[in-house]
Amino acid sequence: MKQRVIHYVLSRLHQLGITDIFGVPGDYAFPIDDAIDEDPNLRWIGCCNELNAAYAADGYARIKGVAAVSTTYAVGELSALNAIAGAYAQHVPVFHLVGMPNRATQRARALVHHTLGNGEFDLFYRMVEPVVCARAILTPENCASETERLIAAALSQRRPVYMAFPADDVNQPVLGMATPLPMPQSDPAVLEAAIAAIVEKVTRARTACILPGFLVARANLRQELEAVIDHSGLPFATMFNDKSTLDETHPSSIGMYDGQLMNPEVRAFVEDCDCVLGVGALLTDFNTGAFTARIDRTKSINMLYDHVRVGHQVFGHVWMKDVLQELARRLPRRSDVKGPPVSGLGPPQGTKDGKITAEYLYPRWEQFLKPHDILITETGTSSMGMAFARMPANTVFHNQALWGSIGWATPAAFGAAVASPQHRTVLITGEGSHQLTAQEVGQFARYGLKPIIFVLNNHGYLIERLLCKDGEKAYNDVAAWNYQQVPAALGCDNWFVARVTTCGELDRAIARAETGETGVYIEVVTGKYVAPTLALKIHEARGTLYMQ
């Protein structure tokens, strides 16, 4: 028997490493959902809504490399669209499977539910175009070829793709065959010219350093970049959105570079280098300390997935993996370049009976982390504080610094925990962001996961208070939840739950959390304006940085 359309797609996704598919069911998507549920190689992971499901897929893909989410037509896919856009911005490959009305209904322009009542059925297919790197409506005739095209696009560009299925086509046999498309190859002559230009620039530089970017992690090229660093002996610094791209305990690490806002020793070293080699780094506002970084373009190199820039010269049709492999062989060994010593946040500053301050909280969280942890932080003050903590060996830090959609972290942490249940998942989120997607906490217990969740309660949207002209505006307030009751209400029976207001209470709660016996949910209460240094500096400079 010929393979059915949905089975062809699901089997290919499984071959990529996907074993769990997130989603919310819907009648147009039932044939897809049934196939997932009945597939012995896959597990259906139900979420509370489609937005959360796509956020969870984002978190899963950051750990496993790729992910998939299933939604129904229109109402479901539009709910997920914000998360898909975030995955696009952050280069996270998510396969979005959408169940559509059958082809007879579409041909008849029938006025069916989940439509705008105008007989048009391609509106949402068109709407998704800016936030995916490829899209297709899959039919028996095109299923094999289009699936392979979409997979190749997702893997080469590391971004989401959209796969829509008319309901009556899902279980039809696939007509035709296709083989996986090869990954793009570098142009040998251009590659050689690019390598020669990089080697010459690094060799002639009095001092040089490397800025690893998150695209390295997305492309699964950490080992290749580490080989370049080990061979060259060059120090590396990391920018905000790129934190933990490489192991922060590596002897060549000099810590975080954030323009003029933080770590002046690191800033002085990086900006004084004659050559700054960026690898998959993007000069966004958060990465550059709100555009206060001063890296001379003529002294810099940056490689992205498919091209390299050396000064003002651009070399196209060369792929990052090929460039890194060549540089690991050909860069000169530089034992004469030494950066400043790396530092973390230092010991917590405070007394056991004292209220929780930023000077105590963030260093204490740094102490709490262990090797191989998965740390998910919400965009805002919590991520700004933890970005400058030094991660233990093989600990990864995930944030959504470019897209910055509040509420992302809670379901993303769930997806990460599903992807790697053998590792400890630590979620740090503000209570304002948490309220957007807190219902997903119940899924941890549903699937037998034991996260450690810290909800930072500073009585509203603190990052917004610091960015706007008047932090006391009513729009910065949120409802005063009884957070200690949230886990039980959501089915997290027998979890350790605590509310802490002093440094001593925080220490005791952390000690209990470290036992790993149950899921953990700790509400950390601070003053309304207790914030880490970076957030305060952005507050001080907001008039020139963001409010022009």
Protein backbone atom coordinates (compact mmCIF):
# COMPACT_ATOMS: atom_id res chain seq x y z
CA MET A 1 0.00 0.00 0.00
CA LYS A 2 1.12 3.52 -0.73
CA GLN A 3 1.88 5.74 2.23
CA ARG A 4 -0.83 8.21 3.13
CA VAL A 5 -0.17 11.96 3.03
CA ILE A 6 -0.13 12.52 6.78
CA HIS A 7 1.93 9.39 7.44
CA TYR A 8 4.56 10.54 4.94
CA VAL A 9 4.86 13.89 6.70
CA LEU A 10 4.89 12.46 10.23
CA SER A 11 7.45 9.81 9.35
CA ARG A 12 9.76 12.48 7.95
CA LEU A 13 9.35 14.64 11.04
CA HIS A 14 10.21 11.66 13.21
CA GLN A 15 13.32 11.03 11.14
CA LEU A 16 14.39 14.60 11.97
CA GLY A 17 14.24 13.77 15.69
CA ILE A 18 10.73 14.89 16.60
CA THR A 19 9.04 12.48 19.01
CA ASP A 20 6.42 14.84 20.48
CA ILE A 21 3.98 17.14 18.70
CA PHE A 22 2.28 19.98 20.57
CA GLY A 23 -1.17 21.17 19.75
CA VAL A 24 -4.83 21.85 20.38
CA PRO A 25 -7.41 19.70 18.54
CA GLY A 26 -10.03 21.03 16.15
CA ASP A 27 -12.51 19.44 13.78
CA TYR A 28 -10.68 20.35 10.55
CA ALA A 29 -7.49 18.99 12.12
CA PHE A 30 -8.94 15.73 13.52
CA PRO A 31 -7.41 13.56 10.76
CA ILE A 32 -3.98 15.02 11.58
CA ASP A 33 -4.53 14.67 15.32
CA ASP A 34 -5.71 11.06 14.95
CA ALA A 35 -2.63 10.16 12.94
CA ILE A 36 -0.33 11.68 15.56
CA ASP A 37 -2.15 9.93 18.40
CA GLU A 38 -2.03 6.57 16.63
CA ASP A 39 1.61 6.80 15.55
CA PRO A 40 3.78 4.60 17.85
CA ASN A 41 6.77 6.87 17.25
CA LEU A 42 5.03 10.09 18.26
CA ARG A 43 3.30 11.50 21.30
CA TRP A 44 0.52 14.07 21.24
CA ILE A 45 1.22 16.84 23.78
CA GLY A 46 -1.97 18.77 24.41
CA CYS A 47 -1.70 22.39 25.51
CA CYS A 48 -4.20 24.88 26.91
CA ASN A 49 -4.31 27.03 23.79
CA GLU A 50 -2.60 27.27 20.43
CA LEU A 51 -0.37 30.19 21.40
CA ASN A 52 1.02 28.19 24.31
CA ALA A 53 1.41 25.11 22.11
CA ALA A 54 3.54 27.03 19.62
CA TYR A 55 5.58 28.60 22.45
CA ALA A 56 6.13 25.08 23.82
CA ALA A 57 7.25 23.90 20.39
CA ASP A 58 9.72 26.81 20.35
CA GLY A 59 11.19 25.65 23.67
CA TYR A 60 11.32 22.04 22.46
CA ALA A 61 13.11 22.98 19.24
CA ARG A 62 15.76 24.93 21.15
CA ILE A 63 16.70 21.68 22.88
CA LYS A 64 16.13 19.06 20.15
CA GLY A 65 16.80 21.20 17.08
CA VAL A 66 13.33 20.99 15.50
CA ALA A 67 9.73 20.81 16.68
CA ALA A 68 6.15 20.57 15.43
CA VAL A 69 2.80 22.07 16.42
CA SER A 70 -0.65 21.14 15.15
CA THR A 71 -3.62 23.52 15.02
CA THR A 72 -6.92 23.77 13.27
CA TYR A 73 -7.76 26.19 10.50
CA ALA A 74 -8.07 29.96 11.06
CA VAL A 75 -8.96 30.31 14.75
CA GLY A 76 -6.26 27.87 15.80
CA GLU A 77 -3.50 28.90 13.46
CA LEU A 78 -4.03 32.62 14.09
CA SER A 79 -3.80 32.01 17.83
CA ALA A 80 -0.41 30.38 17.26
CA LEU A 81 0.82 33.01 14.82
CA ASN A 82 2.52 35.27 17.38
CA ALA A 83 4.61 32.37 18.62
CA ILE A 84 5.46 31.32 15.06
CA ALA A 85 6.62 34.88 14.38
CA GLY A 86 8.81 34.71 17.47
CA ALA A 87 10.31 31.45 16.26
CA TYR A 88 11.01 33.11 12.92
CA ALA A 89 12.77 36.08 14.56
CA GLN A 90 14.78 33.81 16.86
CA HIS A 91 15.64 31.28 14.10
CA VAL A 92 13.80 28.34 15.68
CA PRO A 93 12.64 25.70 13.16
CA VAL A 94 9.03 24.74 13.96
CA PHE A 95 6.81 22.77 11.60
CA HIS A 96 3.28 24.20 11.80
CA LEU A 97 0.68 21.61 10.72
CA VAL A 98 -2.75 23.09 9.96
CA GLY A 99 -5.96 21.21 9.21
CA MET A 100 -8.12 22.92 6.54
CA PRO A 101 -11.71 22.40 5.34
CA ASN A 102 -11.95 19.78 2.62
CA ARG A 103 -11.47 20.67 -1.01
CA ALA A 104 -15.15 20.30 -1.93
CA THR A 105 -16.05 22.87 0.72
CA GLN A 106 -13.38 25.21 -0.59
CA ARG A 107 -14.47 24.82 -4.22
CA ALA A 108 -18.06 25.55 -3.23
CA ARG A 109 -17.00 28.65 -1.28
CA ALA A 110 -19.28 27.37 1.45
CA LEU A 111 -19.99 29.58 4.44
CA VAL A 112 -18.65 27.23 7.09
CA HIS A 113 -17.46 27.88 10.64
CA HIS A 114 -13.94 29.17 11.35
CA THR A 115 -14.11 31.38 8.28
CA LEU A 116 -14.86 35.04 7.69
CA GLY A 117 -18.03 34.11 5.87
CA ASN A 118 -16.78 35.31 2.50
CA GLY A 119 -15.97 32.02 0.83
CA GLU A 120 -12.22 32.68 0.74
CA PHE A 121 -10.05 29.87 2.07
CA ASP A 122 -6.51 30.99 1.26
CA LEU A 123 -6.54 34.12 3.46
CA PHE A 124 -4.58 32.60 6.34
CA TYR A 125 -2.17 30.81 4.03
CA ARG A 126 -1.34 34.25 2.65
CA MET A 127 -1.30 35.85 6.08
CA VAL A 128 1.43 33.55 7.40
CA GLU A 129 3.88 34.30 4.58
CA PRO A 130 6.06 36.92 6.39
CA VAL A 131 6.74 34.69 9.42
CA VAL A 132 7.72 31.40 7.79
CA CYS A 133 10.58 30.59 5.45
CA ALA A 134 8.45 28.26 3.32
CA ARG A 135 4.80 27.17 3.07
CA ALA A 136 2.63 24.75 1.15
CA ILE A 137 -0.86 23.28 1.00
CA LEU A 138 -0.18 19.56 0.83
CA THR A 139 -2.09 17.28 -1.53
CA PRO A 140 -1.52 13.69 -2.66
CA GLU A 141 0.08 15.02 -5.84
CA ASN A 142 2.62 17.34 -4.22
CA CYS A 143 3.06 15.83 -0.75
CA ALA A 144 6.42 14.14 -1.28
CA SER A 145 8.13 16.94 -3.19
CA GLU A 146 6.72 19.78 -1.07
CA THR A 147 7.50 18.06 2.21
CA GLU A 148 11.12 17.66 1.18
CA ARG A 149 11.27 21.29 0.03
CA LEU A 150 9.87 22.52 3.34
CA ILE A 151 12.22 20.36 5.37
CA ALA A 152 15.22 21.62 3.40
CA ALA A 153 14.11 25.22 3.95
CA ALA A 154 13.58 24.75 7.69
CA LEU A 155 16.95 23.07 8.18
CA SER A 156 18.98 25.47 6.06
CA GLN A 157 17.34 28.69 7.28
CA ARG A 158 16.51 27.46 10.82
CA ARG A 159 13.06 29.03 10.72
CA PRO A 160 9.43 27.85 10.83
CA VAL A 161 7.54 26.37 7.91
CA TYR A 162 3.79 26.08 7.31
CA MET A 163 2.10 22.84 6.18
CA ALA A 164 -1.64 22.98 5.52
CA PHE A 165 -3.76 19.87 4.82
CA PRO A 166 -7.25 19.87 3.28
CA ALA A 167 -9.16 17.43 5.49
CA ASP A 168 -10.08 15.04 2.66
CA ASP A 169 -6.47 14.81 1.45
CA VAL A 170 -4.89 13.85 4.78
CA ASN A 171 -5.51 10.11 4.42
CA GLN A 172 -5.16 9.84 0.66
CA PRO A 173 -2.23 7.86 -0.76
CA VAL A 174 0.83 9.83 -1.77
CA LEU A 175 1.23 10.10 -5.53
CA GLY A 176 4.83 10.28 -6.66
CA MET A 177 8.11 10.09 -4.82
CA ALA A 178 10.85 12.42 -3.67
CA THR A 179 14.19 12.12 -1.93
CA PRO A 180 15.52 14.42 0.78
CA LEU A 181 17.10 17.50 -0.74
CA PRO A 182 20.82 18.00 -0.06
CA MET A 183 21.91 20.86 2.13
CA PRO A 184 23.35 23.81 0.20
CA GLN A 185 27.06 23.63 -0.51
CA SER A 186 29.60 26.43 -0.39
CA ASP A 187 31.10 27.70 -3.61
CA PRO A 188 34.68 26.35 -3.32
CA ALA A 189 36.34 29.39 -4.88
CA VAL A 190 34.38 31.87 -2.78
CA LEU A 191 34.97 29.79 0.34
CA GLU A 192 38.71 29.84 -0.26
CA ALA A 193 38.67 33.61 -0.78
CA ALA A 194 36.64 34.15 2.39
CA ILE A 195 38.94 31.95 4.47
CA ALA A 196 42.03 33.69 3.12
CA ALA A 197 40.56 37.11 3.96
CA ILE A 198 39.64 36.05 7.51
CA VAL A 199 43.01 34.43 8.19
CA GLU A 200 44.87 37.46 6.92
CA LYS A 201 42.80 39.86 9.03
CA VAL A 202 43.21 37.82 12.21
CA THR A 203 46.93 37.27 11.59
CA ARG A 204 47.65 40.96 11.07
CA ALA A 205 45.60 42.05 14.09
CA ARG A 206 47.48 43.09 17.22
CA THR A 207 44.55 41.82 19.30
CA ALA A 208 41.47 39.86 18.29
CA CYS A 209 38.46 38.21 19.86
CA ILE A 210 35.39 36.19 18.90
CA LEU A 211 31.71 37.02 19.49
CA PRO A 212 29.72 33.75 19.25
CA GLY A 213 26.10 34.26 18.20
CA PHE A 214 22.96 32.25 18.83
CA LEU A 215 22.79 31.21 15.16
CA VAL A 216 25.69 28.87 15.96
CA ALA A 217 23.52 27.05 18.48
CA ARG A 218 20.53 26.98 16.12
CA ALA A 219 22.66 25.43 13.38
CA ASN A 220 24.08 22.88 15.85
CA LEU A 221 27.63 24.10 15.25
CA ARG A 222 28.81 24.59 18.83
CA GLN A 223 31.52 21.94 18.51
CA GLU A 224 32.81 23.43 15.28
CA LEU A 225 33.11 26.89 16.85
CA GLU A 226 34.76 25.49 19.97
CA ALA A 227 37.31 23.84 17.71
CA VAL A 228 38.07 27.24 16.16
CA ILE A 229 38.53 28.79 19.60
CA ASP A 230 40.65 25.92 20.89
CA HIS A 231 42.87 26.01 17.79
CA SER A 232 43.24 29.78 17.61
CA GLY A 233 43.53 30.49 21.33
CA LEU A 234 41.40 33.62 20.89
CA PRO A 235 39.22 34.83 23.76
CA PHE A 236 35.48 35.14 23.28
CA ALA A 237 32.77 37.33 24.77
CA THR A 238 29.04 36.79 24.51
CA MET A 239 26.23 39.26 23.88
CA PHE A 240 22.80 39.23 25.53
CA ASN A 241 20.81 37.24 22.97
CA ASP A 242 23.71 34.81 22.54
CA LYS A 243 24.29 33.82 26.15
CA SER A 244 25.46 30.21 26.63
CA THR A 245 26.01 29.68 22.91
CA LEU A 246 29.32 28.27 24.16
CA ASP A 247 30.12 26.81 27.55
CA GLU A 248 30.77 29.75 29.88
CA THR A 249 33.32 27.74 31.87
CA HIS A 250 35.56 27.50 28.80
CA PRO A 251 38.99 28.98 29.63
CA SER A 252 38.76 31.40 26.69
CA SER A 253 35.52 32.98 27.91
CA ILE A 254 35.79 36.57 29.15
CA GLY A 255 32.11 37.08 29.98
CA MET A 256 29.32 39.27 28.67
CA TYR A 257 29.70 42.20 26.27
CA ASP A 258 26.84 44.72 26.39
CA GLY A 259 28.19 47.93 24.94
CA GLN A 260 28.62 50.79 27.38
CA LEU A 261 25.96 49.60 29.81
CA MET A 262 27.73 46.73 31.56
CA ASN A 263 31.12 45.11 32.19
CA PRO A 264 33.44 48.01 31.29
CA GLU A 265 36.53 45.76 31.26
CA VAL A 266 34.97 43.49 28.65
CA ARG A 267 33.74 46.47 26.62
CA ALA A 268 37.18 48.09 26.62
CA PHE A 269 38.87 44.88 25.50
CA VAL A 270 36.40 44.03 22.73
CA GLU A 271 36.19 47.54 21.31
CA ASP A 272 39.98 47.95 21.40
CA CYS A 273 40.58 44.78 19.40
CA ASP A 274 41.97 45.21 15.91
CA CYS A 275 39.75 42.33 14.77
CA VAL A 276 36.37 41.22 16.15
CA LEU A 277 35.18 37.95 14.64
CA GLY A 278 31.40 37.57 14.96
CA VAL A 279 30.00 34.11 14.33
CA GLY A 280 26.26 34.09 13.94
CA ALA A 281 25.82 37.26 16.00
CA LEU A 282 23.20 39.93 15.28
CA LEU A 283 23.72 43.52 16.38
CA THR A 284 20.28 44.01 17.91
CA ASP A 285 19.39 46.59 20.55
CA PHE A 286 19.72 44.15 23.47
CA ASN A 287 22.92 42.67 22.06
CA THR A 288 24.59 46.05 21.71
CA GLY A 289 23.58 47.61 25.02
CA ALA A 290 20.84 49.65 23.32
CA PHE A 291 23.17 50.45 20.41
CA THR A 292 25.97 51.73 22.65
CA ALA A 293 28.44 49.16 21.29
CA ARG A 294 31.24 50.69 19.27
CA ILE A 295 32.66 48.05 16.96
CA ASP A 296 34.38 49.51 13.91
CA ARG A 297 32.98 47.80 10.83
CA THR A 298 36.36 47.90 9.12
CA LYS A 299 37.82 45.88 11.99
CA SER A 300 35.03 43.35 12.20
CA ILE A 301 34.12 40.07 10.58
CA ASN A 302 30.72 38.41 10.78
CA MET A 303 29.56 35.11 9.38
CA LEU A 304 25.92 34.15 9.05
CA TYR A 305 24.41 30.94 7.72
CA ASP A 306 25.19 31.52 4.05
CA HIS A 307 27.63 34.41 3.77
CA VAL A 308 30.59 36.08 5.41
CA ARG A 309 31.45 39.76 5.73
CA VAL A 310 35.09 40.75 6.21
CA GLY A 311 35.24 44.48 6.78
CA HIS A 312 33.13 45.87 3.94
CA GLN A 313 33.67 42.89 1.66
CA VAL A 314 30.88 40.27 1.47
CA PHE A 315 31.38 36.67 0.36
CA GLY A 316 28.12 34.97 -0.63
CA HIS A 317 27.30 31.30 -1.11
CA VAL A 318 29.52 30.10 1.72
CA TRP A 319 28.02 28.19 4.62
CA MET A 320 28.92 28.65 8.26
CA LYS A 321 29.81 25.00 8.86
CA ASP A 322 32.31 24.97 6.00
CA VAL A 323 33.88 28.24 7.15
CA LEU A 324 34.27 27.05 10.74
CA GLN A 325 35.79 23.73 9.71
CA GLU A 326 38.37 25.49 7.57
CA LEU A 327 39.17 28.10 10.22
CA ALA A 328 39.75 25.36 12.79
CA ARG A 329 42.59 24.15 10.57
CA ARG A 330 44.01 27.40 9.25
CA LEU A 331 43.73 30.19 11.80
CA PRO A 332 47.07 30.97 13.45
CA ARG A 333 47.55 30.10 17.09
CA ARG A 334 47.47 33.31 19.13
CA SER A 335 48.88 32.80 22.62
CA ASP A 336 49.63 36.52 22.89
CA VAL A 337 45.99 37.70 23.14
CA LYS A 338 44.57 37.71 26.65
CA GLY A 339 41.24 39.17 27.65
CA PRO A 340 40.07 40.24 31.11
CA PRO A 341 39.28 37.51 33.65
CA VAL A 342 35.69 36.31 33.57
CA SER A 343 33.48 37.11 36.54
CA GLY A 344 29.97 36.28 37.60
CA LEU A 345 27.70 38.08 40.02
CA GLY A 346 29.75 37.43 43.14
CA PRO A 347 28.35 36.41 46.54
CA PRO A 348 24.82 37.43 47.52
CA GLN A 349 24.70 40.69 49.47
CA GLY A 350 22.13 40.79 52.26
CA THR A 351 21.04 39.46 55.62
CA LYS A 352 18.89 36.43 56.32
CA ASP A 353 16.13 38.51 57.87
CA GLY A 354 16.37 41.27 55.27
CA LYS A 355 14.01 41.78 52.38
CA ILE A 356 15.02 40.28 49.06
CA THR A 357 17.07 42.72 46.98
CA ALA A 358 18.53 42.41 43.51
CA GLU A 359 21.99 42.26 45.09
CA TYR A 360 20.94 39.09 46.91
CA LEU A 361 18.48 37.49 44.51
CA TYR A 362 20.43 37.21 41.27
CA PRO A 363 23.72 36.03 42.83
CA ARG A 364 21.69 33.50 44.84
CA TRP A 365 20.07 32.19 41.70
CA GLU A 366 23.51 31.99 40.11
CA GLN A 367 24.69 29.82 43.02
CA PHE A 368 21.62 27.61 42.65
CA LEU A 369 22.31 26.60 39.05
CA LYS A 370 24.01 23.28 38.36
CA PRO A 371 25.81 21.80 35.33
CA HIS A 372 23.48 20.67 32.53
CA ASP A 373 20.55 22.79 33.74
CA ILE A 374 18.13 24.25 31.21
CA LEU A 375 17.42 27.82 32.30
CA ILE A 376 14.47 29.63 30.70
CA THR A 377 14.02 33.30 31.58
CA GLU A 378 11.29 35.70 30.55
CA THR A 379 12.28 38.81 28.66
CA GLY A 380 12.45 41.62 31.21
CA THR A 381 14.19 42.22 34.50
CA SER A 382 14.68 38.53 35.31
CA SER A 383 16.57 37.86 32.08
CA MET A 384 18.56 41.08 32.47
CA GLY A 385 19.73 39.93 35.87
CA MET A 386 20.51 36.34 34.94
CA ALA A 387 22.25 37.29 31.68
CA PHE A 388 25.27 38.35 33.72
CA ALA A 389 25.35 35.28 35.92
CA ARG A 390 28.04 32.80 34.98
CA MET A 391 26.45 29.55 33.82
CA PRO A 392 27.88 26.27 35.12
CA ALA A 393 29.35 23.78 32.67
CA ASN A 394 26.94 22.73 29.91
CA THR A 395 24.11 24.84 31.30
CA VAL A 396 22.04 26.56 28.63
CA PHE A 397 20.27 29.90 28.97
CA HIS A 398 17.24 30.54 26.79
CA ASN A 399 15.50 33.87 26.32
CA GLN A 400 13.48 35.58 23.61
CA ALA A 401 15.44 38.82 23.54
CA LEU A 402 14.71 39.82 19.94
CA TRP A 403 10.99 39.08 19.57
CA GLY A 404 10.35 39.73 23.27
CA SER A 405 6.76 38.46 23.56
CA ILE A 406 5.79 38.43 27.22
CA GLY A 407 4.38 35.10 28.36
CA TRP A 408 6.76 33.10 26.18
CA ALA A 409 8.86 31.64 28.99
CA THR A 410 6.33 29.49 30.88
CA PRO A 411 5.16 27.33 27.94
CA ALA A 412 8.66 27.40 26.40
CA ALA A 413 9.97 25.90 29.63
CA PHE A 414 7.31 23.20 29.37
CA GLY A 415 8.43 22.39 25.83
CA ALA A 416 12.08 22.28 26.90
CA ALA A 417 11.24 19.93 29.77
CA VAL A 418 9.35 17.62 27.38
CA ALA A 419 12.39 17.62 25.07
CA SER A 420 14.86 16.74 27.82
CA PRO A 421 13.16 15.34 30.94
CA GLN A 422 16.45 13.95 32.22
CA HIS A 423 17.79 17.46 32.80
CA ARG A 424 16.64 20.00 35.35
CA THR A 425 14.44 22.71 33.83
CA VAL A 426 14.54 26.00 35.73
CA LEU A 427 12.03 28.72 34.84
CA ILE A 428 12.42 32.30 36.09
CA THR A 429 9.56 34.57 35.10
CA GLY A 430 7.96 37.78 36.28
CA GLU A 431 4.41 37.55 37.57
CA GLY A 432 3.09 39.89 34.89
CA SER A 433 4.40 37.71 32.09
CA HIS A 434 3.41 34.57 33.96
CA GLN A 435 -0.21 35.64 34.07
CA LEU A 436 -0.44 35.53 30.28
CA THR A 437 0.35 31.80 30.04
CA ALA A 438 0.33 30.41 33.60
CA GLN A 439 -2.28 27.77 32.76
CA GLU A 440 0.47 25.76 31.08
CA VAL A 441 1.95 24.99 34.52
CA GLY A 442 -0.63 22.23 34.76
CA GLN A 443 0.93 20.45 31.80
CA PHE A 444 4.16 19.81 33.71
CA ALA A 445 2.31 17.63 36.21
CA ARG A 446 0.15 16.06 33.51
CA TYR A 447 3.24 14.71 31.78
CA GLY A 448 5.16 13.78 34.94
CA LEU A 449 7.71 16.59 34.74
CA LYS A 450 9.38 18.25 37.74
CA PRO A 451 10.41 21.80 36.87
CA ILE A 452 11.70 24.40 39.29
CA ILE A 453 9.65 27.55 38.75
CA PHE A 454 10.44 30.93 40.27
CA VAL A 455 7.74 33.57 39.89
CA LEU A 456 9.24 36.98 40.60
CA ASN A 457 6.45 39.08 42.11
CA ASN A 458 7.33 42.77 41.99
CA HIS A 459 3.72 43.95 41.81
CA GLY A 460 3.37 44.64 38.12
CA TYR A 461 5.28 45.00 34.90
CA LEU A 462 8.60 46.19 36.29
CA ILE A 463 10.43 46.44 32.97
CA GLU A 464 7.59 48.59 31.65
CA ARG A 465 7.72 50.79 34.76
CA LEU A 466 11.40 51.35 34.06
CA LEU A 467 10.95 52.07 30.35
CA CYS A 468 7.98 54.42 30.38
CA LYS A 469 7.89 58.03 31.57
CA ASP A 470 5.74 57.36 34.65
CA GLY A 471 6.11 53.92 36.19
CA GLU A 472 3.02 54.43 38.35
CA LYS A 473 0.65 54.45 35.40
CA ALA A 474 -2.26 52.05 35.88
CA TYR A 475 -1.34 50.06 32.79
CA ASN A 476 1.73 48.73 34.61
CA ASP A 477 -0.37 47.05 37.32
CA VAL A 478 -1.56 43.45 37.25
CA ALA A 479 -4.08 41.45 39.29
CA ALA A 480 -2.85 40.30 42.69
CA TRP A 481 -3.00 36.53 42.36
CA ASN A 482 -2.63 34.06 45.21
CA TYR A 483 0.30 32.36 43.51
CA GLN A 484 0.70 29.68 46.16
CA GLN A 485 -2.66 28.27 45.14
CA VAL A 486 -1.90 28.16 41.40
CA PRO A 487 -0.12 24.77 41.19
CA ALA A 488 -2.79 22.88 43.12
CA ALA A 489 -5.56 24.55 41.15
CA LEU A 490 -3.86 23.40 37.94
CA GLY A 491 -3.44 19.79 39.06
CA CYS A 492 0.13 19.91 40.36
CA ASP A 493 -0.51 17.77 43.42
CA ASN A 494 2.25 17.30 45.99
CA TRP A 495 4.51 19.97 44.51
CA PHE A 496 6.66 21.99 46.84
CA VAL A 497 5.16 25.49 46.91
CA ALA A 498 6.50 28.49 48.82
CA ARG A 499 6.15 32.25 49.09
CA VAL A 500 9.36 33.99 50.16
CA THR A 501 9.87 37.60 51.20
CA THR A 502 13.25 37.47 52.98
CA CYS A 503 16.69 36.24 52.01
CA GLY A 504 16.53 33.49 54.61
CA GLU A 505 13.17 32.25 53.34
CA LEU A 506 14.58 32.20 49.82
CA ASP A 507 17.57 30.13 50.96
CA ARG A 508 15.35 27.61 52.73
CA ALA A 509 13.05 27.28 49.74
CA ILE A 510 16.00 26.78 47.39
CA ALA A 511 17.45 24.11 49.69
CA ARG A 512 14.13 22.25 49.50
CA ALA A 513 13.98 22.70 45.73
CA GLU A 514 17.42 21.17 45.32
CA THR A 515 16.21 17.79 46.58
CA GLY A 516 14.50 17.21 43.24
CA GLU A 517 11.72 15.18 44.82
CA THR A 518 8.80 17.05 43.26
CA GLY A 519 7.97 19.93 40.99
CA VAL A 520 8.74 23.27 42.64
CA TYR A 521 6.87 26.59 42.48
CA ILE A 522 8.35 29.49 44.46
CA GLU A 523 6.89 32.99 44.53
CA VAL A 524 9.69 35.47 45.21
CA VAL A 525 8.31 38.76 46.51
CA THR A 526 10.37 41.94 46.18
CA GLY A 527 9.77 45.65 46.25
CA LYS A 528 8.08 47.26 43.25
CA TYR A 529 11.30 48.75 41.82
CA VAL A 530 13.87 46.10 42.85
CA ALA A 531 15.77 45.56 39.59
CA PRO A 532 19.17 44.32 38.37
CA THR A 533 21.85 46.75 37.23
CA LEU A 534 21.19 46.47 33.49
CA ALA A 535 17.50 47.28 33.89
CA LEU A 536 18.34 50.31 36.03
CA LYS A 537 20.86 51.56 33.48
CA ILE A 538 18.31 51.23 30.70
CA HIS A 539 15.89 53.17 32.92
CA GLU A 540 18.44 55.94 33.39
CA ALA A 541 19.13 56.15 29.66
CA ARG A 542 15.59 55.57 28.38
CA GLY A 543 15.19 59.15 27.15
CA THR A 544 18.02 58.77 24.65
CA LEU A 545 17.71 55.06 23.92
CA TYR A 546 14.02 54.30 23.50
CA MET A 547 11.87 57.41 23.88
CA GLN A 548 13.13 59.58 21.05
